[in-house]
Amino acid sequence: MAPTIHYYCPCQSGELLQTPPPPHMASSSASFHLLHSLFFCEECDAVRCNRCVAVEVSGYYCPNCLFEVPSASVRAEKNRCARNCFSCPICRSTLQVVASDPPDGGDGRPSASLSNVGEPPFFLYCNHCRWDSAEVGITFEKPTGLAAQLQKFEDSAPESLEFERLKEHFEPFLPAASAALARDVPGVGKYNPLARSRVGRDRTANKDEMPEYKSRMEISVLGQLGSEGDDSDVDALRRMENVEEIASLEQRWGNSWTTSLRTSDLKPLRIPLHSKVSKRCPTCRHILIKPEQKAQSVRYKIKLVAANYLPAITVGIPHASGTDTARRPQTKATGVSDDRNAGILTAGKSYPFHLALTNPLYDPIQVRLSVQRMHVTAVTDGTAPEKARRTPFAVSLPTSPFPVAAFAEAWEYDDDDDMFGLEDDDLGLDVGRSRDRDGKGKIKAVGVLEKRANVTVVGGEVVIGKEARGHVKFNMLVSYTYRSDDPLPSEDGAGTPSRTVVKSPEVKTFTFYTVVDLGPILPREEKIDPDI
């Protein structure tokens, strides 16, 4: 298991408590996310996630023909494409409209001219599985407006008529639920009623005044409309010779209503519409994500992602590549055991790990790392109270701040030495390696290990207790400070360019939490049997 690192979003915490929960709690996983899935609000200087942002639909379009559908037409078309876009009920591929073959005159030649295309009736054909709508009795007289022609069959279905009857029955009582919709729900736009007087009048409505609903058909007839387990379905299963004669759950899942178990009864489906959404900050309501309106475009007008503001951190353990196991005698049994223990930490040992920080800003930053204090619940059974209060592991990180160079394009560096950080070895004196060693000549484990371009690699160390179990998982506080190189003119000299007083560069500081998971701990008494 490779080490991982996730970033913390404070939306699950209260306003007074902004610290993340302990990482050993199962509920803490909901507060940590990958960096590429987070957003950043410039107004609030805060990290936002998909659970706390407000989502707004900015437009609808068909994924097949890329036709932009107005919002007013989405409900009328039942969130389906109103053009000639259909999906195969067997393989979900896109269907094509084809004309019928011209009739045969008996002499082996078609009676109609081959140039005369568009012979009715027309039907839908799948180029992937060779399915066509003529097998289920669906044909069209014209090759255009097929969605409207197929909509007539759907609207006349008993299930659709029953649903329309239900809407007519409950429509007078739906305004009474506007008070519940007015609540502020994270991620959902707030509902504003049109008139308060109307809402107050609807609240006083008596629930007993609702008349009893009467369905259009008896409940015993519903079993004949779809897969309700009636006698016809049982007989079809008994006479089944091939498993492909029964529709799979995936094939029946795309229909809004209950469908038959038989594959021969499946109907073509209009392709569902897709939507482009915008995302806003839940606090200041500023837009974080706003895509372009055109369905053909994949660009964004506004895109405030956290990866452009927070340093990207990757974690790795050097011993996972085999340096730690090279000291052991190479036998067949140990070779199998080492392969299975790759990425697993053993209790009672210490391991170094590396943190690589990449600066996405155009300004250099000063970073400071610190480990959140772990709270361990003491066991009150009286057996070993002192050992129970000890933390299962101890983590050491660099205590002093360290710099990370600004982001720059590859062609902006003068030579390769500036990009890969080889300026210390120009004379061949191995100066760079001497800095990574302490006074005794031993390779340094904690501190700055490497600098290249806008990446700085620092080392840490974890000491695992002899009785430790679970995962080496800890919260890490990251604070970085940078000085903006774009100073703003002061207000005193505004309006007179010759008297404009330029302010000094602004110093900004931002702090965020992460959770580092170095991997599982293998207890000392547990050994993996190489023969398993």
Protein backbone atom coordinates (compact mmCIF):
# COMPACT_ATOMS: atom_id res chain seq x y z
CA MET A 1 0.00 0.00 0.00
CA ALA A 2 1.55 3.27 -1.12
CA PRO A 3 1.52 6.23 1.29
CA THR A 4 -1.18 8.81 0.63
CA ILE A 5 -1.97 12.38 1.62
CA HIS A 6 -5.34 14.14 1.64
CA TYR A 7 -6.35 17.76 2.24
CA TYR A 8 -8.81 18.95 4.86
CA CYS A 9 -11.98 20.96 4.19
CA PRO A 10 -13.44 22.63 7.33
CA CYS A 11 -17.06 22.50 6.14
CA GLN A 12 -17.89 19.60 8.49
CA SER A 13 -16.54 21.47 11.56
CA GLY A 14 -18.24 24.22 13.51
CA GLU A 15 -17.47 27.91 13.21
CA LEU A 16 -15.45 27.95 16.43
CA LEU A 17 -13.57 24.69 15.80
CA GLN A 18 -11.55 24.62 12.58
CA THR A 19 -9.21 21.76 13.48
CA PRO A 20 -9.70 18.40 11.76
CA PRO A 21 -10.93 15.34 13.66
CA PRO A 22 -8.47 12.68 14.80
CA PRO A 23 -7.38 10.60 11.80
CA HIS A 24 -7.98 7.24 13.52
CA MET A 25 -11.73 7.92 13.64
CA ALA A 26 -13.73 6.37 10.81
CA SER A 27 -15.84 9.52 10.45
CA SER A 28 -12.78 11.66 9.67
CA SER A 29 -12.54 10.32 6.12
CA ALA A 30 -15.48 12.52 5.08
CA SER A 31 -13.48 15.68 5.84
CA PHE A 32 -10.38 14.86 3.79
CA HIS A 33 -10.17 14.95 -0.01
CA LEU A 34 -7.68 14.73 -2.83
CA LEU A 35 -6.16 18.01 -3.93
CA HIS A 36 -7.50 17.89 -7.50
CA SER A 37 -11.09 17.64 -6.20
CA LEU A 38 -10.97 20.80 -4.04
CA PHE A 39 -11.68 24.46 -4.81
CA PHE A 40 -10.34 27.69 -3.37
CA CYS A 41 -12.30 30.87 -2.63
CA GLU A 42 -10.19 34.01 -3.03
CA GLU A 43 -12.67 36.16 -1.10
CA CYS A 44 -12.80 33.91 1.96
CA ASP A 45 -9.25 32.50 1.65
CA ALA A 46 -10.69 29.07 2.37
CA VAL A 47 -10.69 25.60 0.88
CA ARG A 48 -14.01 24.34 -0.46
CA CYS A 49 -15.11 20.83 -1.45
CA ASN A 50 -17.94 19.36 -3.49
CA ARG A 51 -19.99 18.79 -0.33
CA CYS A 52 -20.16 22.42 0.74
CA VAL A 53 -20.31 24.36 -2.53
CA ALA A 54 -23.65 25.48 -3.98
CA VAL A 55 -24.35 23.88 -7.35
CA GLU A 56 -26.33 25.71 -10.03
CA VAL A 57 -27.27 24.38 -13.45
CA SER A 58 -25.99 26.71 -16.16
CA GLY A 59 -27.28 24.86 -19.23
CA TYR A 60 -28.58 21.61 -20.71
CA TYR A 61 -27.38 19.84 -23.84
CA CYS A 62 -27.60 16.51 -25.62
CA PRO A 63 -24.35 14.50 -25.38
CA ASN A 64 -24.98 12.93 -28.78
CA CYS A 65 -25.83 15.85 -31.08
CA LEU A 66 -24.48 18.58 -28.73
CA PHE A 67 -27.68 20.57 -29.19
CA GLU A 68 -28.26 23.16 -26.46
CA VAL A 69 -31.71 22.75 -24.93
CA PRO A 70 -33.47 25.73 -23.28
CA SER A 71 -34.32 25.27 -19.62
CA ALA A 72 -38.02 25.79 -20.31
CA SER A 73 -38.08 22.79 -22.66
CA VAL A 74 -36.33 20.34 -20.35
CA ARG A 75 -39.38 19.52 -18.27
CA ALA A 76 -41.67 19.30 -21.27
CA GLU A 77 -39.33 16.87 -23.01
CA LYS A 78 -38.86 14.86 -19.78
CA ASN A 79 -35.12 15.52 -19.71
CA ARG A 80 -34.63 13.75 -23.04
CA CYS A 81 -33.34 14.91 -26.41
CA ALA A 82 -36.16 16.06 -28.69
CA ARG A 83 -34.21 15.34 -31.88
CA ASN A 84 -33.34 12.04 -33.60
CA CYS A 85 -31.07 10.80 -30.78
CA PHE A 86 -31.86 7.33 -29.49
CA SER A 87 -29.87 4.67 -27.63
CA CYS A 88 -30.02 0.95 -28.30
CA PRO A 89 -31.89 -0.95 -25.56
CA ILE A 90 -29.47 -3.88 -25.89
CA CYS A 91 -25.98 -2.34 -25.96
CA ARG A 92 -26.71 1.39 -25.29
CA SER A 93 -25.04 2.46 -28.55
CA THR A 94 -26.44 5.31 -30.63
CA LEU A 95 -29.11 4.29 -33.12
CA GLN A 96 -29.28 5.50 -36.71
CA VAL A 97 -32.33 6.19 -38.86
CA VAL A 98 -32.37 3.96 -41.94
CA ALA A 99 -34.91 3.45 -44.70
CA SER A 100 -36.51 0.19 -45.69
CA ASP A 101 -35.07 -1.80 -48.58
CA PRO A 102 -36.86 -1.26 -51.91
CA PRO A 103 -39.24 -4.08 -52.83
CA ASP A 104 -37.96 -6.95 -54.95
CA GLY A 105 -39.61 -7.36 -58.39
CA GLY A 106 -38.83 -11.09 -58.58
CA ASP A 107 -36.04 -10.82 -61.14
CA GLY A 108 -33.37 -10.16 -58.52
CA ARG A 109 -33.36 -6.44 -59.19
CA PRO A 110 -35.09 -3.78 -57.06
CA SER A 111 -38.18 -2.26 -58.62
CA ALA A 112 -37.27 1.23 -57.44
CA SER A 113 -34.23 3.17 -58.49
CA LEU A 114 -31.25 2.88 -56.17
CA SER A 115 -30.87 6.66 -56.28
CA ASN A 116 -34.31 7.04 -54.82
CA VAL A 117 -33.37 7.06 -51.14
CA GLY A 118 -35.73 7.45 -48.22
CA GLU A 119 -38.21 4.67 -48.86
CA PRO A 120 -40.70 4.45 -45.98
CA PRO A 121 -41.18 3.00 -43.49
CA PHE A 122 -38.12 4.10 -41.57
CA PHE A 123 -36.74 2.38 -38.49
CA LEU A 124 -33.90 2.70 -36.00
CA TYR A 125 -30.82 0.52 -36.52
CA CYS A 126 -27.82 -0.26 -34.29
CA ASN A 127 -24.49 -0.73 -36.08
CA HIS A 128 -22.96 -2.47 -33.06
CA CYS A 129 -25.36 -5.28 -32.16
CA ARG A 130 -27.50 -5.20 -35.37
CA TRP A 131 -30.71 -4.53 -33.46
CA ASP A 132 -33.49 -2.59 -35.19
CA SER A 133 -36.78 -1.15 -33.99
CA ALA A 134 -38.76 -3.12 -36.58
CA GLU A 135 -38.27 -6.19 -34.38
CA VAL A 136 -40.52 -4.63 -31.73
CA GLY A 137 -42.96 -3.14 -34.21
CA ILE A 138 -41.75 0.47 -34.14
CA THR A 139 -41.51 2.11 -37.56
CA PHE A 140 -41.84 5.68 -38.78
CA GLU A 141 -43.34 7.23 -41.87
CA LYS A 142 -40.91 10.19 -41.90
CA PRO A 143 -37.18 10.28 -41.06
CA THR A 144 -37.58 13.53 -39.09
CA GLY A 145 -39.33 14.30 -35.84
CA LEU A 146 -38.91 10.76 -34.57
CA ALA A 147 -38.85 11.88 -30.94
CA ALA A 148 -42.33 13.40 -31.24
CA GLN A 149 -43.62 10.26 -32.93
CA LEU A 150 -42.15 8.02 -30.24
CA GLN A 151 -43.39 10.35 -27.51
CA LYS A 152 -46.96 9.51 -28.50
CA PHE A 153 -46.36 5.86 -27.62
CA GLU A 154 -44.80 6.82 -24.29
CA ASP A 155 -47.54 9.27 -23.32
CA SER A 156 -50.26 6.74 -24.08
CA ALA A 157 -48.69 4.10 -21.85
CA PRO A 158 -50.79 3.22 -18.74
CA GLU A 159 -47.90 4.06 -16.41
CA SER A 160 -47.51 7.54 -17.89
CA LEU A 161 -51.22 8.24 -17.68
CA GLU A 162 -51.29 7.11 -14.05
CA PHE A 163 -48.39 9.43 -13.20
CA GLU A 164 -50.14 12.40 -14.81
CA ARG A 165 -53.21 11.59 -12.75
CA LEU A 166 -51.13 11.59 -9.58
CA LYS A 167 -49.68 15.01 -10.42
CA GLU A 168 -53.13 16.46 -10.97
CA HIS A 169 -54.29 15.05 -7.63
CA PHE A 170 -51.42 16.43 -5.52
CA GLU A 171 -50.79 19.68 -7.37
CA PRO A 172 -53.20 21.78 -5.23
CA PHE A 173 -51.38 20.68 -2.07
CA LEU A 174 -47.79 21.13 -3.25
CA PRO A 175 -47.54 24.84 -2.24
CA ALA A 176 -48.03 23.76 1.39
CA ALA A 177 -44.57 22.22 1.31
CA SER A 178 -42.85 25.51 0.43
CA ALA A 179 -41.94 26.14 4.08
CA ALA A 180 -39.85 22.96 4.16
CA LEU A 181 -38.16 23.88 0.90
CA ALA A 182 -37.17 27.30 2.30
CA ARG A 183 -34.57 25.73 4.57
CA ASP A 184 -30.93 26.43 3.76
CA VAL A 185 -29.44 23.10 2.67
CA PRO A 186 -25.69 23.00 1.81
CA GLY A 187 -25.17 22.38 -1.88
CA VAL A 188 -28.77 23.21 -2.82
CA GLY A 189 -30.02 26.61 -3.91
CA LYS A 190 -32.38 28.28 -1.44
CA TYR A 191 -36.03 28.24 -2.38
CA ASN A 192 -37.78 31.63 -2.28
CA PRO A 193 -41.61 31.55 -2.33
CA LEU A 194 -43.37 34.01 -4.57
CA ALA A 195 -45.63 35.49 -1.92
CA ARG A 196 -45.56 35.12 1.85
CA SER A 197 -49.28 35.63 2.15
CA ARG A 198 -49.90 32.67 -0.08
CA VAL A 199 -47.57 30.50 1.96
CA GLY A 200 -49.29 31.52 5.18
CA ARG A 201 -52.64 30.70 3.71
CA ASP A 202 -51.46 27.30 2.51
CA ARG A 203 -50.06 26.43 5.94
CA THR A 204 -53.51 26.66 7.44
CA ALA A 205 -54.88 24.14 4.98
CA ASN A 206 -56.31 21.08 6.63
CA LYS A 207 -54.74 17.81 5.58
CA ASP A 208 -58.07 16.04 6.02
CA GLU A 209 -59.49 18.02 3.10
CA MET A 210 -57.41 16.02 0.63
CA PRO A 211 -59.77 13.67 -1.21
CA GLU A 212 -59.03 10.01 -1.55
CA TYR A 213 -57.05 9.10 -4.64
CA LYS A 214 -58.55 6.60 -7.04
CA SER A 215 -56.30 4.95 -9.59
CA ARG A 216 -57.22 4.49 -13.23
CA MET A 217 -56.82 0.72 -13.09
CA GLU A 218 -56.99 -2.04 -10.54
CA ILE A 219 -53.81 -3.13 -8.85
CA SER A 220 -54.21 -6.65 -10.18
CA VAL A 221 -53.86 -5.34 -13.74
CA LEU A 222 -50.45 -3.77 -13.02
CA GLY A 223 -48.79 -7.16 -13.07
CA GLN A 224 -49.61 -7.52 -16.74
CA LEU A 225 -47.78 -4.30 -17.66
CA GLY A 226 -44.28 -5.21 -16.56
CA SER A 227 -42.09 -7.55 -14.60
CA GLU A 228 -44.36 -8.03 -11.61
CA GLY A 229 -43.82 -11.77 -11.31
CA ASP A 230 -47.12 -12.82 -12.86
CA ASP A 231 -47.83 -16.15 -14.53
CA SER A 232 -46.68 -14.97 -17.97
CA ASP A 233 -43.23 -14.16 -16.64
CA VAL A 234 -43.00 -17.55 -14.94
CA ASP A 235 -43.97 -19.30 -18.17
CA ALA A 236 -41.38 -17.26 -20.10
CA LEU A 237 -38.65 -18.37 -17.70
CA ARG A 238 -39.70 -22.00 -18.05
CA ARG A 239 -39.62 -21.88 -21.85
CA MET A 240 -36.33 -19.98 -21.96
CA GLU A 241 -33.71 -21.68 -24.12
CA ASN A 242 -31.07 -18.93 -24.09
CA VAL A 243 -30.15 -16.60 -21.26
CA GLU A 244 -30.08 -13.68 -23.71
CA GLU A 245 -33.86 -13.95 -24.04
CA ILE A 246 -34.20 -12.37 -20.58
CA ALA A 247 -33.30 -8.68 -20.27
CA SER A 248 -30.56 -7.90 -17.79
CA LEU A 249 -30.99 -5.45 -14.95
CA GLU A 250 -28.78 -2.90 -16.70
CA GLN A 251 -30.97 -3.05 -19.81
CA ARG A 252 -34.14 -2.49 -17.78
CA TRP A 253 -32.63 0.10 -15.43
CA GLY A 254 -32.69 2.93 -17.97
CA ASN A 255 -36.46 2.90 -18.32
CA SER A 256 -38.53 5.15 -16.10
CA TRP A 257 -41.30 2.57 -15.71
CA THR A 258 -41.44 -1.15 -15.12
CA THR A 259 -40.59 -3.13 -18.23
CA SER A 260 -40.99 -6.69 -19.33
CA LEU A 261 -38.45 -9.39 -18.58
CA ARG A 262 -38.22 -10.35 -22.23
CA THR A 263 -35.47 -8.88 -24.35
CA SER A 264 -37.80 -8.80 -27.35
CA ASP A 265 -40.04 -6.27 -25.56
CA LEU A 266 -37.35 -3.64 -24.97
CA LYS A 267 -37.98 -0.29 -26.66
CA PRO A 268 -35.48 2.32 -27.93
CA LEU A 269 -34.79 5.14 -25.49
CA ARG A 270 -34.32 8.81 -26.10
CA ILE A 271 -30.86 9.87 -24.95
CA PRO A 272 -30.97 11.70 -21.57
CA LEU A 273 -29.75 15.28 -21.44
CA HIS A 274 -26.58 16.33 -19.69
CA SER A 275 -26.03 19.57 -17.84
CA LYS A 276 -23.22 22.02 -17.19
CA VAL A 277 -23.10 23.26 -13.62
CA SER A 278 -21.58 26.26 -11.87
CA LYS A 279 -20.34 26.12 -8.29
CA ARG A 280 -20.41 28.92 -5.72
CA CYS A 281 -18.82 29.45 -2.35
CA PRO A 282 -21.41 28.73 0.38
CA THR A 283 -20.28 31.72 2.46
CA CYS A 284 -19.70 34.65 0.11
CA ARG A 285 -21.62 33.24 -2.90
CA HIS A 286 -18.75 34.02 -5.29
CA ILE A 287 -18.44 31.77 -8.33
CA LEU A 288 -15.73 29.11 -8.09
CA ILE A 289 -16.46 27.11 -11.25
CA LYS A 290 -18.26 28.41 -14.32
CA PRO A 291 -18.02 26.53 -17.63
CA GLU A 292 -18.57 28.06 -21.04
CA GLN A 293 -22.13 27.97 -22.28
CA LYS A 294 -21.42 26.18 -25.57
CA ALA A 295 -21.86 22.43 -25.43
CA GLN A 296 -18.89 21.87 -27.77
CA SER A 297 -16.49 23.67 -25.45
CA VAL A 298 -14.72 22.05 -22.51
CA ARG A 299 -13.20 25.29 -21.24
CA TYR A 300 -14.12 27.30 -18.16
CA LYS A 301 -14.77 31.00 -17.79
CA ILE A 302 -13.93 30.81 -14.08
CA LYS A 303 -11.92 27.96 -12.55
CA LEU A 304 -10.66 28.46 -9.01
CA VAL A 305 -9.22 25.09 -8.05
CA ALA A 306 -7.13 24.48 -4.96
CA ALA A 307 -4.26 23.02 -6.99
CA ASN A 308 -3.48 26.56 -8.26
CA TYR A 309 -3.19 27.98 -4.73
CA LEU A 310 -2.02 25.22 -2.36
CA PRO A 311 1.33 23.45 -2.68
CA ALA A 312 0.97 19.89 -3.94
CA ILE A 313 2.45 17.40 -1.47
CA THR A 314 3.48 13.84 -2.24
CA VAL A 315 4.77 11.38 0.34
CA GLY A 316 7.01 8.36 -0.08
CA ILE A 317 8.98 5.90 2.04
CA PRO A 318 12.53 5.16 0.82
CA HIS A 319 12.62 1.64 2.28
CA ALA A 320 9.68 0.58 0.11
CA SER A 321 12.03 0.31 -2.89
CA GLY A 322 14.00 -2.44 -1.24
CA THR A 323 16.82 -0.61 0.59
CA ASP A 324 15.69 -1.90 3.97
CA THR A 325 15.38 -5.50 2.87
CA ALA A 326 18.80 -5.56 1.21
CA ARG A 327 20.48 -6.09 4.61
CA ARG A 328 18.64 -9.36 5.21
CA PRO A 329 19.90 -12.68 3.83
CA GLN A 330 18.36 -13.44 0.47
CA THR A 331 16.48 -16.71 0.77
CA LYS A 332 13.45 -18.01 -1.01
CA ALA A 333 11.21 -17.72 2.06
CA THR A 334 12.27 -14.20 2.95
CA GLY A 335 11.92 -13.10 -0.66
CA VAL A 336 8.26 -14.07 -0.71
CA SER A 337 7.70 -12.47 2.70
CA ASP A 338 9.38 -9.21 1.67
CA ASP A 339 7.22 -8.93 -1.43
CA ARG A 340 4.08 -9.33 0.61
CA ASN A 341 5.29 -6.90 3.28
CA ALA A 342 6.12 -4.18 0.74
CA GLY A 343 4.64 -0.92 2.02
CA ILE A 344 3.93 -2.38 5.49
CA LEU A 345 5.62 -0.88 8.55
CA THR A 346 6.81 -3.15 11.35
CA ALA A 347 6.14 -2.30 14.98
CA GLY A 348 9.16 -1.37 17.08
CA LYS A 349 11.15 0.17 14.21
CA SER A 350 11.78 3.62 12.80
CA TYR A 351 11.37 4.61 9.17
CA PRO A 352 12.31 7.74 7.24
CA PHE A 353 9.85 9.27 4.79
CA HIS A 354 10.06 12.05 2.22
CA LEU A 355 7.64 14.91 1.56
CA ALA A 356 7.90 16.64 -1.82
CA LEU A 357 6.24 20.07 -1.94
CA THR A 358 5.51 21.69 -5.32
CA ASN A 359 4.83 25.43 -5.42
CA PRO A 360 2.08 26.41 -7.92
CA LEU A 361 2.48 30.17 -7.31
CA TYR A 362 4.64 32.59 -9.26
CA ASP A 363 6.13 33.80 -5.96
CA PRO A 364 8.52 31.87 -3.70
CA ILE A 365 7.01 30.63 -0.45
CA GLN A 366 8.25 29.83 3.04
CA VAL A 367 6.71 26.64 4.40
CA ARG A 368 6.45 25.43 7.98
CA LEU A 369 5.25 21.92 8.90
CA SER A 370 3.95 20.69 12.23
CA VAL A 371 2.22 17.54 13.45
CA GLN A 372 -1.08 17.82 15.28
CA ARG A 373 -0.95 16.44 18.79
CA MET A 374 -2.54 13.03 19.08
CA HIS A 375 -5.10 12.37 21.81
CA VAL A 376 -5.00 8.76 22.96
CA THR A 377 -7.78 7.39 25.15
CA ALA A 378 -6.37 5.74 28.24
CA VAL A 379 -7.48 2.24 29.22
CA THR A 380 -8.80 2.07 32.79
CA ASP A 381 -8.53 -1.69 33.32
CA GLY A 382 -5.46 -1.25 35.56
CA THR A 383 -3.21 -3.58 33.58
CA ALA A 384 -0.82 -1.14 31.92
CA PRO A 385 -2.05 2.43 32.36
CA GLU A 386 1.25 4.03 31.43
CA LYS A 387 1.63 2.12 28.19
CA ALA A 388 -1.97 2.79 27.28
CA ARG A 389 -1.40 6.53 27.46
CA ARG A 390 1.55 6.40 25.07
CA THR A 391 1.04 7.29 21.45
CA PRO A 392 1.49 4.35 19.08
CA PHE A 393 4.09 6.27 17.06
CA ALA A 394 6.08 9.52 17.08
CA VAL A 395 6.65 11.69 14.01
CA SER A 396 9.59 14.06 13.51
CA LEU A 397 9.43 16.86 10.93
CA PRO A 398 11.66 19.86 10.17
CA THR A 399 11.03 22.48 12.85
CA SER A 400 12.38 25.50 10.97
CA PRO A 401 10.68 26.97 7.87
CA PHE A 402 12.17 26.15 4.48
CA PRO A 403 11.80 27.87 1.10
CA VAL A 404 10.18 26.55 -2.06
CA ALA A 405 11.06 28.31 -5.31
CA ALA A 406 8.43 29.98 -7.47
CA PHE A 407 6.78 28.23 -10.37
CA ALA A 408 8.31 28.87 -13.79
CA GLU A 409 7.99 27.34 -17.22
CA ALA A 410 10.70 24.97 -18.43
CA TRP A 411 12.04 27.44 -21.02
CA GLU A 412 12.40 30.18 -18.42
CA TYR A 413 15.37 28.44 -16.77
CA ASP A 414 18.83 29.45 -17.98
CA ASP A 415 20.14 25.89 -18.05
CA ASP A 416 19.42 22.42 -16.75
CA ASP A 417 21.33 23.07 -13.54
CA ASP A 418 18.75 25.63 -12.43
CA MET A 419 15.91 23.22 -13.14
CA PHE A 420 17.38 20.15 -11.44
CA GLY A 421 19.27 21.91 -8.67
CA LEU A 422 22.80 20.81 -9.60
CA GLU A 423 24.56 24.09 -8.93
CA ASP A 424 26.32 22.65 -5.84
CA ASP A 425 28.07 19.91 -7.83
CA ASP A 426 29.54 22.10 -10.58
CA LEU A 427 33.09 21.54 -9.27
CA GLY A 428 32.59 17.86 -8.51
CA LEU A 429 33.14 18.36 -4.78
CA ASP A 430 29.89 16.61 -3.75
CA VAL A 431 28.84 19.63 -1.73
CA GLY A 432 25.16 18.90 -2.09
CA ARG A 433 25.50 15.48 -0.53
CA SER A 434 27.56 16.77 2.37
CA ARG A 435 24.69 19.01 3.37
CA ASP A 436 22.43 15.99 3.65
CA ARG A 437 24.69 14.43 6.27
CA ASP A 438 25.07 15.23 9.93
CA GLY A 439 28.33 15.73 11.81
CA LYS A 440 28.95 11.98 12.20
CA GLY A 441 28.78 11.34 8.45
CA LYS A 442 25.39 9.68 8.66
CA ILE A 443 22.79 10.57 6.05
CA LYS A 444 20.36 13.11 7.47
CA ALA A 445 16.76 11.88 7.72
CA VAL A 446 14.97 15.02 8.99
CA GLY A 447 15.40 18.29 7.13
CA VAL A 448 15.66 19.65 3.62
CA LEU A 449 17.02 16.92 1.34
CA GLU A 450 16.70 18.29 -2.19
CA LYS A 451 15.75 21.41 -4.13
CA ARG A 452 14.95 21.49 -7.83
CA ALA A 453 12.94 24.04 -9.78
CA ASN A 454 9.76 24.72 -7.76
CA VAL A 455 9.99 21.44 -5.79
CA THR A 456 11.56 21.01 -2.37
CA VAL A 457 11.94 17.57 -0.78
CA VAL A 458 12.10 17.38 3.00
CA GLY A 459 12.65 14.33 5.15
CA GLY A 460 10.83 13.14 8.23
CA GLU A 461 11.03 10.15 10.51
CA VAL A 462 8.47 8.02 12.30
CA VAL A 463 9.24 5.85 15.32
CA ILE A 464 6.68 3.10 15.81
CA GLY A 465 6.07 1.66 19.26
CA LYS A 466 6.40 -2.04 19.99
CA GLU A 467 2.70 -2.42 20.80
CA ALA A 468 1.43 -0.25 17.93
CA ARG A 469 -1.37 -1.42 15.64
CA GLY A 470 -3.50 0.03 12.87
CA HIS A 471 -2.14 2.66 10.46
CA VAL A 472 0.55 5.29 10.77
CA LYS A 473 -1.84 8.16 10.17
CA PHE A 474 -1.42 11.71 11.47
CA ASN A 475 -2.70 15.23 10.79
CA MET A 476 -0.13 17.69 9.53
CA LEU A 477 -0.51 21.48 9.65
CA VAL A 478 1.00 23.29 6.66
CA SER A 479 1.59 27.05 6.82
CA TYR A 480 3.14 28.99 3.97
CA THR A 481 3.99 32.67 3.60
CA TYR A 482 4.73 34.54 0.39
CA ARG A 483 5.33 38.13 -0.64
CA SER A 484 3.28 39.34 -3.60
CA ASP A 485 5.37 40.90 -6.37
CA ASP A 486 2.44 43.00 -7.68
CA PRO A 487 2.19 45.97 -5.27
CA LEU A 488 -0.89 48.14 -5.48
CA PRO A 489 -0.68 51.97 -5.55
CA SER A 490 -1.75 53.68 -2.35
CA GLU A 491 -4.87 55.76 -2.08
CA ASP A 492 -2.95 58.93 -1.16
CA GLY A 493 -1.54 59.48 -4.65
CA ALA A 494 -4.56 58.38 -6.62
CA GLY A 495 -5.33 60.59 -9.63
CA THR A 496 -1.80 62.02 -9.99
CA PRO A 497 0.58 59.59 -11.70
CA SER A 498 3.68 61.62 -10.77
CA ARG A 499 2.72 61.53 -7.08
CA THR A 500 1.63 57.92 -6.95
CA VAL A 501 3.13 56.22 -3.91
CA VAL A 502 3.69 52.49 -4.44
CA LYS A 503 2.98 50.32 -1.43
CA SER A 504 5.43 47.68 -0.33
CA PRO A 505 4.70 44.10 -1.43
CA GLU A 506 1.99 42.51 0.63
CA VAL A 507 2.90 39.52 2.80
CA LYS A 508 0.25 36.82 2.83
CA THR A 509 0.00 33.72 5.01
CA PHE A 510 -2.27 30.73 4.58
CA THR A 511 -2.69 27.64 6.74
CA PHE A 512 -4.36 24.34 5.97
CA TYR A 513 -4.45 20.82 7.36
CA THR A 514 -3.61 17.53 5.70
CA VAL A 515 -3.70 13.90 6.78
CA VAL A 516 -0.72 11.67 5.99
CA ASP A 517 -1.15 7.90 5.82
CA LEU A 518 2.20 6.11 5.68
CA GLY A 519 0.67 2.64 5.65
CA PRO A 520 -0.44 -0.20 7.93
CA ILE A 521 1.54 -1.45 10.91
CA LEU A 522 2.48 -5.12 11.10
CA PRO A 523 2.58 -6.21 14.77
CA ARG A 524 5.76 -7.90 15.91
CA GLU A 525 4.07 -11.13 16.97
CA GLU A 526 2.29 -11.56 13.64
CA LYS A 527 4.33 -13.11 10.86
CA ILE A 528 3.19 -13.90 7.35
CA ASP A 529 3.55 -17.54 6.39
CA PRO A 530 5.44 -17.69 3.06
CA ASP A 531 3.64 -20.92 2.13
CA ILE A 532 0.19 -19.23 2.11
